[in-house]
Amino acid sequence: MFDGEWLRTGDLAYLVDGEMVMCGRIKDVIIIGGRNIYPEEIERTLGDLDGVRAGNVVAFGVDGARGKEAMVIVAETNSDDPHSVAGQIAQRVIETVGLPAKDIVLVGGGTLPKTSSGKLQRSLCRTLYTTNAFADLRWKSHAIRR
């Protein structure tokens, strides 16, 4: 969609030395208490935790209490101790953005939806979460294999 001479793509980007650096999508920004939380920042910092499959973490916002947005984390793990992994994720999220996640869902490897080019599908993941499609997968990462 054009806005005057500008093409509105929905991408977030900035310029560095004349080069455009893409950093996310406007619709993916999580707004909690007036603060903008960028999912990519959370996903990147959680990817290096023991028990979390790097590059296989999705953070997104959902409707929370009293119409306010809340943050959800869905991460792939093959750990035999998912409760420990969830605890590490909860702590790291607070350290990173200063706010807790409403929910942390752990799923087995290969569970998160991806495009044909291998990119995580954040909006589809949000839909799966809100329709309770992950309900049977929570905390059962060692039993889920694809």
N, C-alpha and C. Protein backbone atom coordinates (compact mmCIF):
# COMPACT_ATOMS: atom_id res chain seq x y z
N MET A 1 0.85 -1.15 0.00
CA MET A 1 0.00 0.00 0.00
C MET A 1 0.91 1.24 0.00
N PHE A 2 0.57 2.19 -0.83
CA PHE A 2 1.34 3.42 -0.90
C PHE A 2 0.76 4.47 0.04
N ASP A 3 1.66 5.24 0.64
CA ASP A 3 1.30 6.39 1.46
C ASP A 3 2.05 7.56 0.84
N GLY A 4 1.40 8.25 -0.09
CA GLY A 4 2.09 9.26 -0.88
C GLY A 4 3.10 8.57 -1.77
N GLU A 5 4.35 8.95 -1.64
CA GLU A 5 5.41 8.32 -2.44
C GLU A 5 6.03 7.12 -1.74
N TRP A 6 5.62 6.85 -0.51
CA TRP A 6 6.22 5.78 0.28
C TRP A 6 5.44 4.50 0.16
N LEU A 7 6.13 3.39 0.00
CA LEU A 7 5.51 2.07 -0.03
C LEU A 7 5.50 1.53 1.39
N ARG A 8 4.32 1.28 1.94
CA ARG A 8 4.19 0.74 3.30
C ARG A 8 4.16 -0.79 3.21
N THR A 9 5.27 -1.41 3.58
CA THR A 9 5.37 -2.87 3.50
C THR A 9 5.06 -3.55 4.81
N GLY A 10 5.10 -2.79 5.92
CA GLY A 10 4.91 -3.37 7.23
C GLY A 10 6.22 -3.82 7.86
N ASP A 11 7.33 -3.60 7.17
CA ASP A 11 8.64 -3.97 7.69
C ASP A 11 9.19 -2.87 8.58
N LEU A 12 9.97 -3.25 9.58
CA LEU A 12 10.72 -2.31 10.40
C LEU A 12 12.16 -2.35 9.93
N ALA A 13 12.75 -1.20 9.69
CA ALA A 13 14.12 -1.15 9.21
C ALA A 13 14.75 0.17 9.61
N TYR A 14 16.06 0.25 9.46
CA TYR A 14 16.78 1.50 9.68
C TYR A 14 17.93 1.56 8.69
N LEU A 15 18.46 2.77 8.50
CA LEU A 15 19.57 2.98 7.57
C LEU A 15 20.88 3.11 8.31
N VAL A 16 21.91 2.44 7.81
CA VAL A 16 23.27 2.55 8.33
C VAL A 16 24.17 2.76 7.12
N ASP A 17 24.81 3.89 7.07
CA ASP A 17 25.72 4.21 5.95
C ASP A 17 25.06 3.95 4.60
N GLY A 18 23.80 4.35 4.48
CA GLY A 18 23.09 4.20 3.21
C GLY A 18 22.55 2.81 2.94
N GLU A 19 22.77 1.88 3.84
CA GLU A 19 22.27 0.51 3.69
C GLU A 19 21.07 0.30 4.59
N MET A 20 20.01 -0.32 4.06
CA MET A 20 18.83 -0.61 4.86
C MET A 20 19.02 -1.93 5.60
N VAL A 21 18.77 -1.92 6.91
CA VAL A 21 18.87 -3.11 7.74
C VAL A 21 17.46 -3.47 8.21
N MET A 22 16.97 -4.62 7.79
CA MET A 22 15.64 -5.08 8.18
C MET A 22 15.72 -5.65 9.60
N CYS A 23 14.75 -5.28 10.44
CA CYS A 23 14.81 -5.78 11.82
C CYS A 23 13.49 -6.36 12.31
N GLY A 24 12.48 -6.45 11.47
CA GLY A 24 11.24 -7.08 11.92
C GLY A 24 10.02 -6.57 11.16
N ARG A 25 8.87 -6.90 11.71
CA ARG A 25 7.59 -6.50 11.12
C ARG A 25 6.82 -5.67 12.15
N ILE A 26 6.17 -4.62 11.69
CA ILE A 26 5.41 -3.76 12.58
C ILE A 26 4.34 -4.55 13.32
N LYS A 27 3.63 -5.45 12.61
CA LYS A 27 2.53 -6.17 13.25
C LYS A 27 3.01 -7.17 14.30
N ASP A 28 4.30 -7.47 14.33
CA ASP A 28 4.82 -8.42 15.31
C ASP A 28 5.27 -7.77 16.62
N VAL A 29 5.33 -6.45 16.65
CA VAL A 29 5.75 -5.76 17.88
C VAL A 29 4.74 -6.05 18.98
N ILE A 30 5.24 -6.39 20.16
CA ILE A 30 4.40 -6.67 21.32
C ILE A 30 4.38 -5.40 22.16
N ILE A 31 3.19 -4.89 22.46
CA ILE A 31 3.08 -3.65 23.23
C ILE A 31 2.49 -3.98 24.60
N ILE A 32 3.30 -3.80 25.63
CA ILE A 32 2.87 -4.08 27.00
C ILE A 32 3.14 -2.85 27.85
N GLY A 33 2.09 -2.32 28.44
CA GLY A 33 2.23 -1.14 29.29
C GLY A 33 2.85 0.04 28.56
N GLY A 34 2.55 0.18 27.28
CA GLY A 34 3.09 1.27 26.50
C GLY A 34 4.50 1.05 25.98
N ARG A 35 5.10 -0.08 26.32
CA ARG A 35 6.46 -0.41 25.86
C ARG A 35 6.40 -1.28 24.62
N ASN A 36 7.27 -0.97 23.67
CA ASN A 36 7.40 -1.82 22.48
C ASN A 36 8.44 -2.90 22.76
N ILE A 37 8.01 -4.13 22.63
CA ILE A 37 8.90 -5.28 22.81
C ILE A 37 9.05 -5.93 21.43
N TYR A 38 10.29 -6.09 20.99
CA TYR A 38 10.55 -6.66 19.67
C TYR A 38 10.82 -8.15 19.81
N PRO A 39 9.98 -9.00 19.22
CA PRO A 39 10.10 -10.45 19.39
C PRO A 39 11.47 -10.99 18.99
N GLU A 40 12.07 -10.41 17.96
CA GLU A 40 13.38 -10.90 17.51
C GLU A 40 14.43 -10.80 18.60
N GLU A 41 14.35 -9.76 19.41
CA GLU A 41 15.31 -9.59 20.51
C GLU A 41 15.19 -10.73 21.52
N ILE A 42 13.96 -11.07 21.85
CA ILE A 42 13.72 -12.16 22.81
C ILE A 42 14.14 -13.50 22.19
N GLU A 43 13.74 -13.72 20.96
CA GLU A 43 14.05 -14.99 20.29
C GLU A 43 15.56 -15.22 20.20
N ARG A 44 16.29 -14.17 19.86
CA ARG A 44 17.75 -14.27 19.74
C ARG A 44 18.39 -14.62 21.08
N THR A 45 17.95 -13.98 22.15
CA THR A 45 18.58 -14.20 23.45
C THR A 45 18.21 -15.56 24.05
N LEU A 46 17.07 -16.12 23.67
CA LEU A 46 16.68 -17.43 24.20
C LEU A 46 17.34 -18.57 23.43
N GLY A 47 17.77 -18.31 22.21
CA GLY A 47 18.34 -19.35 21.37
C GLY A 47 19.61 -19.96 21.88
N ASP A 48 20.31 -19.28 22.81
CA ASP A 48 21.57 -19.84 23.30
C ASP A 48 21.44 -20.54 24.66
N LEU A 49 20.21 -20.70 25.15
CA LEU A 49 20.01 -21.42 26.41
C LEU A 49 20.15 -22.92 26.21
N ASP A 50 20.71 -23.60 27.20
CA ASP A 50 20.79 -25.06 27.15
C ASP A 50 19.38 -25.63 27.10
N GLY A 51 19.16 -26.55 26.21
CA GLY A 51 17.85 -27.19 26.10
C GLY A 51 16.92 -26.53 25.10
N VAL A 52 17.28 -25.35 24.61
CA VAL A 52 16.46 -24.67 23.60
C VAL A 52 17.15 -24.81 22.25
N ARG A 53 16.39 -25.23 21.24
CA ARG A 53 16.96 -25.38 19.90
C ARG A 53 17.15 -23.99 19.29
N ALA A 54 18.39 -23.60 19.08
CA ALA A 54 18.71 -22.27 18.53
C ALA A 54 17.97 -22.04 17.22
N GLY A 55 17.40 -20.84 17.09
CA GLY A 55 16.66 -20.51 15.88
C GLY A 55 15.26 -21.08 15.84
N ASN A 56 14.84 -21.69 16.92
CA ASN A 56 13.53 -22.33 16.96
C ASN A 56 12.75 -21.85 18.18
N VAL A 57 12.67 -20.54 18.31
CA VAL A 57 11.94 -19.88 19.38
C VAL A 57 11.08 -18.80 18.75
N VAL A 58 9.84 -18.71 19.19
CA VAL A 58 8.93 -17.68 18.69
C VAL A 58 8.34 -16.94 19.89
N ALA A 59 8.38 -15.60 19.81
CA ALA A 59 7.74 -14.75 20.82
C ALA A 59 6.67 -13.95 20.11
N PHE A 60 5.51 -13.81 20.75
CA PHE A 60 4.42 -13.05 20.14
C PHE A 60 3.49 -12.55 21.22
N GLY A 61 2.65 -11.61 20.84
CA GLY A 61 1.68 -11.06 21.77
C GLY A 61 0.31 -11.66 21.55
N VAL A 62 -0.44 -11.77 22.65
CA VAL A 62 -1.82 -12.24 22.61
C VAL A 62 -2.65 -11.32 23.51
N ASP A 63 -3.95 -11.37 23.35
CA ASP A 63 -4.82 -10.60 24.23
C ASP A 63 -4.71 -11.15 25.63
N GLY A 64 -4.45 -10.26 26.57
CA GLY A 64 -4.31 -10.67 27.96
C GLY A 64 -5.47 -10.15 28.79
N ALA A 65 -5.26 -10.06 30.08
CA ALA A 65 -6.29 -9.61 31.02
C ALA A 65 -6.67 -8.16 30.75
N ARG A 66 -7.93 -7.86 30.90
CA ARG A 66 -8.47 -6.51 30.75
C ARG A 66 -8.09 -5.86 29.43
N GLY A 67 -8.02 -6.67 28.36
CA GLY A 67 -7.76 -6.14 27.03
C GLY A 67 -6.33 -5.72 26.76
N LYS A 68 -5.43 -6.01 27.68
CA LYS A 68 -4.02 -5.65 27.49
C LYS A 68 -3.29 -6.81 26.83
N GLU A 69 -2.25 -6.47 26.06
CA GLU A 69 -1.48 -7.49 25.38
C GLU A 69 -0.56 -8.21 26.37
N ALA A 70 -0.35 -9.50 26.14
CA ALA A 70 0.55 -10.31 26.96
C ALA A 70 1.51 -11.05 26.03
N MET A 71 2.66 -11.44 26.58
CA MET A 71 3.70 -12.09 25.79
C MET A 71 3.69 -13.60 26.00
N VAL A 72 3.84 -14.33 24.89
CA VAL A 72 3.92 -15.79 24.92
C VAL A 72 5.20 -16.21 24.22
N ILE A 73 5.84 -17.23 24.75
CA ILE A 73 7.05 -17.81 24.16
C ILE A 73 6.75 -19.26 23.82
N VAL A 74 7.04 -19.67 22.59
CA VAL A 74 6.97 -21.07 22.20
C VAL A 74 8.36 -21.45 21.72
N ALA A 75 8.92 -22.50 22.30
CA ALA A 75 10.29 -22.90 21.98
C ALA A 75 10.38 -24.41 21.77
N GLU A 76 11.23 -24.79 20.83
CA GLU A 76 11.49 -26.21 20.63
C GLU A 76 12.59 -26.66 21.57
N THR A 77 12.41 -27.86 22.11
CA THR A 77 13.42 -28.45 22.99
C THR A 77 13.36 -29.97 22.85
N ASN A 78 14.48 -30.59 23.10
CA ASN A 78 14.54 -32.05 23.19
C ASN A 78 15.02 -32.46 24.58
N SER A 79 14.95 -31.53 25.51
CA SER A 79 15.44 -31.75 26.87
C SER A 79 14.57 -32.77 27.60
N ASP A 80 15.21 -33.54 28.46
CA ASP A 80 14.48 -34.45 29.33
C ASP A 80 13.98 -33.75 30.59
N ASP A 81 14.33 -32.47 30.74
CA ASP A 81 13.92 -31.68 31.90
C ASP A 81 13.26 -30.38 31.44
N PRO A 82 12.06 -30.47 30.85
CA PRO A 82 11.41 -29.27 30.30
C PRO A 82 11.09 -28.22 31.36
N HIS A 83 10.85 -28.62 32.60
CA HIS A 83 10.55 -27.64 33.64
C HIS A 83 11.76 -26.74 33.90
N SER A 84 12.95 -27.31 33.87
CA SER A 84 14.16 -26.51 34.02
C SER A 84 14.34 -25.56 32.84
N VAL A 85 14.10 -26.05 31.64
CA VAL A 85 14.21 -25.21 30.44
C VAL A 85 13.22 -24.05 30.52
N ALA A 86 11.99 -24.34 30.91
CA ALA A 86 10.97 -23.29 31.02
C ALA A 86 11.38 -22.26 32.07
N GLY A 87 11.96 -22.71 33.17
CA GLY A 87 12.43 -21.79 34.20
C GLY A 87 13.54 -20.88 33.69
N GLN A 88 14.47 -21.46 32.92
CA GLN A 88 15.55 -20.65 32.33
C GLN A 88 14.98 -19.62 31.35
N ILE A 89 14.00 -20.04 30.56
CA ILE A 89 13.38 -19.13 29.61
C ILE A 89 12.69 -17.98 30.35
N ALA A 90 11.93 -18.32 31.38
CA ALA A 90 11.22 -17.29 32.15
C ALA A 90 12.20 -16.27 32.72
N GLN A 91 13.29 -16.74 33.29
CA GLN A 91 14.29 -15.85 33.87
C GLN A 91 14.94 -14.98 32.80
N ARG A 92 15.30 -15.57 31.68
CA ARG A 92 15.98 -14.82 30.61
C ARG A 92 15.06 -13.76 30.01
N VAL A 93 13.78 -14.06 29.87
CA VAL A 93 12.83 -13.08 29.33
C VAL A 93 12.77 -11.86 30.26
N ILE A 94 12.69 -12.10 31.55
CA ILE A 94 12.66 -10.99 32.51
C ILE A 94 13.97 -10.20 32.46
N GLU A 95 15.10 -10.88 32.36
CA GLU A 95 16.38 -10.19 32.27
C GLU A 95 16.49 -9.36 30.99
N THR A 96 15.89 -9.85 29.91
CA THR A 96 16.02 -9.20 28.61
C THR A 96 15.09 -7.99 28.47
N VAL A 97 13.82 -8.16 28.83
CA VAL A 97 12.86 -7.08 28.61
C VAL A 97 12.23 -6.54 29.89
N GLY A 98 12.55 -7.15 31.02
CA GLY A 98 12.05 -6.65 32.29
C GLY A 98 10.60 -6.98 32.57
N LEU A 99 10.02 -7.87 31.79
CA LEU A 99 8.63 -8.28 31.95
C LEU A 99 8.52 -9.79 31.83
N PRO A 100 7.58 -10.40 32.56
CA PRO A 100 7.41 -11.85 32.45
C PRO A 100 6.57 -12.23 31.24
N ALA A 101 6.77 -13.44 30.76
CA ALA A 101 5.91 -14.00 29.72
C ALA A 101 4.64 -14.51 30.37
N LYS A 102 3.52 -14.35 29.71
CA LYS A 102 2.25 -14.88 30.21
C LYS A 102 2.29 -16.40 30.20
N ASP A 103 2.91 -16.94 29.16
CA ASP A 103 2.94 -18.39 28.99
C ASP A 103 4.22 -18.78 28.27
N ILE A 104 4.75 -19.94 28.63
CA ILE A 104 5.90 -20.53 27.96
C ILE A 104 5.49 -21.93 27.54
N VAL A 105 5.56 -22.18 26.26
CA VAL A 105 5.15 -23.49 25.73
C VAL A 105 6.38 -24.14 25.12
N LEU A 106 6.69 -25.34 25.56
CA LEU A 106 7.80 -26.10 25.00
C LEU A 106 7.25 -27.20 24.12
N VAL A 107 7.81 -27.30 22.93
CA VAL A 107 7.37 -28.32 21.98
C VAL A 107 8.61 -29.05 21.48
N GLY A 108 8.40 -30.19 20.87
CA GLY A 108 9.50 -30.99 20.35
C GLY A 108 10.10 -30.41 19.10
N GLY A 109 11.29 -30.87 18.76
CA GLY A 109 11.98 -30.42 17.56
C GLY A 109 11.15 -30.65 16.31
N GLY A 110 11.16 -29.67 15.42
CA GLY A 110 10.44 -29.77 14.15
C GLY A 110 8.97 -29.43 14.26
N THR A 111 8.52 -28.93 15.41
CA THR A 111 7.11 -28.64 15.63
C THR A 111 6.70 -27.25 15.15
N LEU A 112 7.57 -26.25 15.31
CA LEU A 112 7.20 -24.89 14.95
C LEU A 112 7.00 -24.76 13.44
N PRO A 113 5.94 -24.05 13.05
CA PRO A 113 5.67 -23.89 11.61
C PRO A 113 6.70 -22.99 10.95
N LYS A 114 7.13 -23.39 9.76
CA LYS A 114 8.11 -22.62 8.99
C LYS A 114 7.65 -22.49 7.55
N THR A 115 8.17 -21.47 6.89
CA THR A 115 7.89 -21.29 5.47
C THR A 115 8.73 -22.30 4.68
N SER A 116 8.50 -22.36 3.39
CA SER A 116 9.28 -23.29 2.56
C SER A 116 10.75 -22.90 2.53
N SER A 117 11.06 -21.64 2.85
CA SER A 117 12.46 -21.21 2.89
C SER A 117 13.07 -21.36 4.28
N GLY A 118 12.30 -21.88 5.25
CA GLY A 118 12.83 -22.15 6.58
C GLY A 118 12.64 -21.07 7.61
N LYS A 119 11.92 -20.00 7.27
CA LYS A 119 11.67 -18.94 8.26
C LYS A 119 10.52 -19.35 9.17
N LEU A 120 10.66 -19.02 10.45
CA LEU A 120 9.58 -19.30 11.39
C LEU A 120 8.36 -18.45 11.04
N GLN A 121 7.18 -19.03 11.19
CA GLN A 121 5.93 -18.33 10.90
C GLN A 121 5.29 -17.89 12.22
N ARG A 122 5.64 -16.68 12.63
CA ARG A 122 5.19 -16.17 13.92
C ARG A 122 3.67 -16.06 13.98
N SER A 123 3.04 -15.53 12.93
CA SER A 123 1.58 -15.34 12.98
C SER A 123 0.86 -16.69 13.00
N LEU A 124 1.35 -17.68 12.27
CA LEU A 124 0.73 -19.00 12.31
C LEU A 124 0.94 -19.63 13.68
N CYS A 125 2.11 -19.41 14.26
CA CYS A 125 2.37 -19.93 15.60
C CYS A 125 1.40 -19.32 16.61
N ARG A 126 1.15 -18.01 16.48
CA ARG A 126 0.18 -17.33 17.36
C ARG A 126 -1.20 -17.95 17.18
N THR A 127 -1.59 -18.21 15.95
CA THR A 127 -2.90 -18.83 15.69
C THR A 127 -2.97 -20.22 16.30
N LEU A 128 -1.93 -21.01 16.16
CA LEU A 128 -1.90 -22.35 16.75
C LEU A 128 -2.02 -22.26 18.27
N TYR A 129 -1.35 -21.28 18.86
CA TYR A 129 -1.42 -21.10 20.31
C TYR A 129 -2.84 -20.70 20.74
N THR A 130 -3.41 -19.71 20.06
CA THR A 130 -4.72 -19.20 20.48
C THR A 130 -5.85 -20.19 20.22
N THR A 131 -5.63 -21.14 19.31
CA THR A 131 -6.64 -22.18 19.08
C THR A 131 -6.34 -23.44 19.88
N ASN A 132 -5.36 -23.35 20.77
CA ASN A 132 -4.98 -24.43 21.68
C ASN A 132 -4.40 -25.65 20.97
N ALA A 133 -3.84 -25.44 19.78
CA ALA A 133 -3.25 -26.55 19.03
C ALA A 133 -2.00 -27.10 19.70
N PHE A 134 -1.33 -26.29 20.53
CA PHE A 134 -0.14 -26.74 21.23
C PHE A 134 -0.47 -27.41 22.56
N ALA A 135 -1.73 -27.47 22.94
CA ALA A 135 -2.13 -27.95 24.27
C ALA A 135 -1.58 -29.35 24.57
N ASP A 136 -1.65 -30.25 23.60
CA ASP A 136 -1.20 -31.62 23.84
C ASP A 136 0.32 -31.75 23.80
N LEU A 137 1.01 -30.68 23.38
CA LEU A 137 2.46 -30.75 23.23
C LEU A 137 3.21 -30.15 24.40
N ARG A 138 2.54 -29.35 25.22
CA ARG A 138 3.22 -28.67 26.32
C ARG A 138 3.90 -29.64 27.26
N TRP A 139 5.11 -29.33 27.60
CA TRP A 139 5.88 -30.05 28.61
C TRP A 139 6.08 -31.53 28.27
N LYS A 140 5.92 -31.89 27.00
CA LYS A 140 6.11 -33.27 26.61
C LYS A 140 7.19 -33.38 25.54
N SER A 141 8.17 -32.49 25.58
CA SER A 141 9.12 -32.41 24.49
C SER A 141 9.85 -33.73 24.23
N HIS A 142 10.12 -34.52 25.27
CA HIS A 142 10.87 -35.76 25.08
C HIS A 142 10.02 -36.83 24.37
N ALA A 143 8.70 -36.63 24.32
CA ALA A 143 7.83 -37.63 23.69
C ALA A 143 7.44 -37.25 22.26
N ILE A 144 7.83 -36.06 21.82
CA ILE A 144 7.41 -35.60 20.51
C ILE A 144 8.58 -35.68 19.54
N ARG A 145 8.41 -36.40 18.50
CA ARG A 145 9.44 -36.50 17.46
C ARG A 145 8.75 -36.44 16.11
N ARG A 146 9.41 -35.80 15.16
CA ARG A 146 8.88 -35.77 13.80
C ARG A 146 9.80 -36.52 12.90
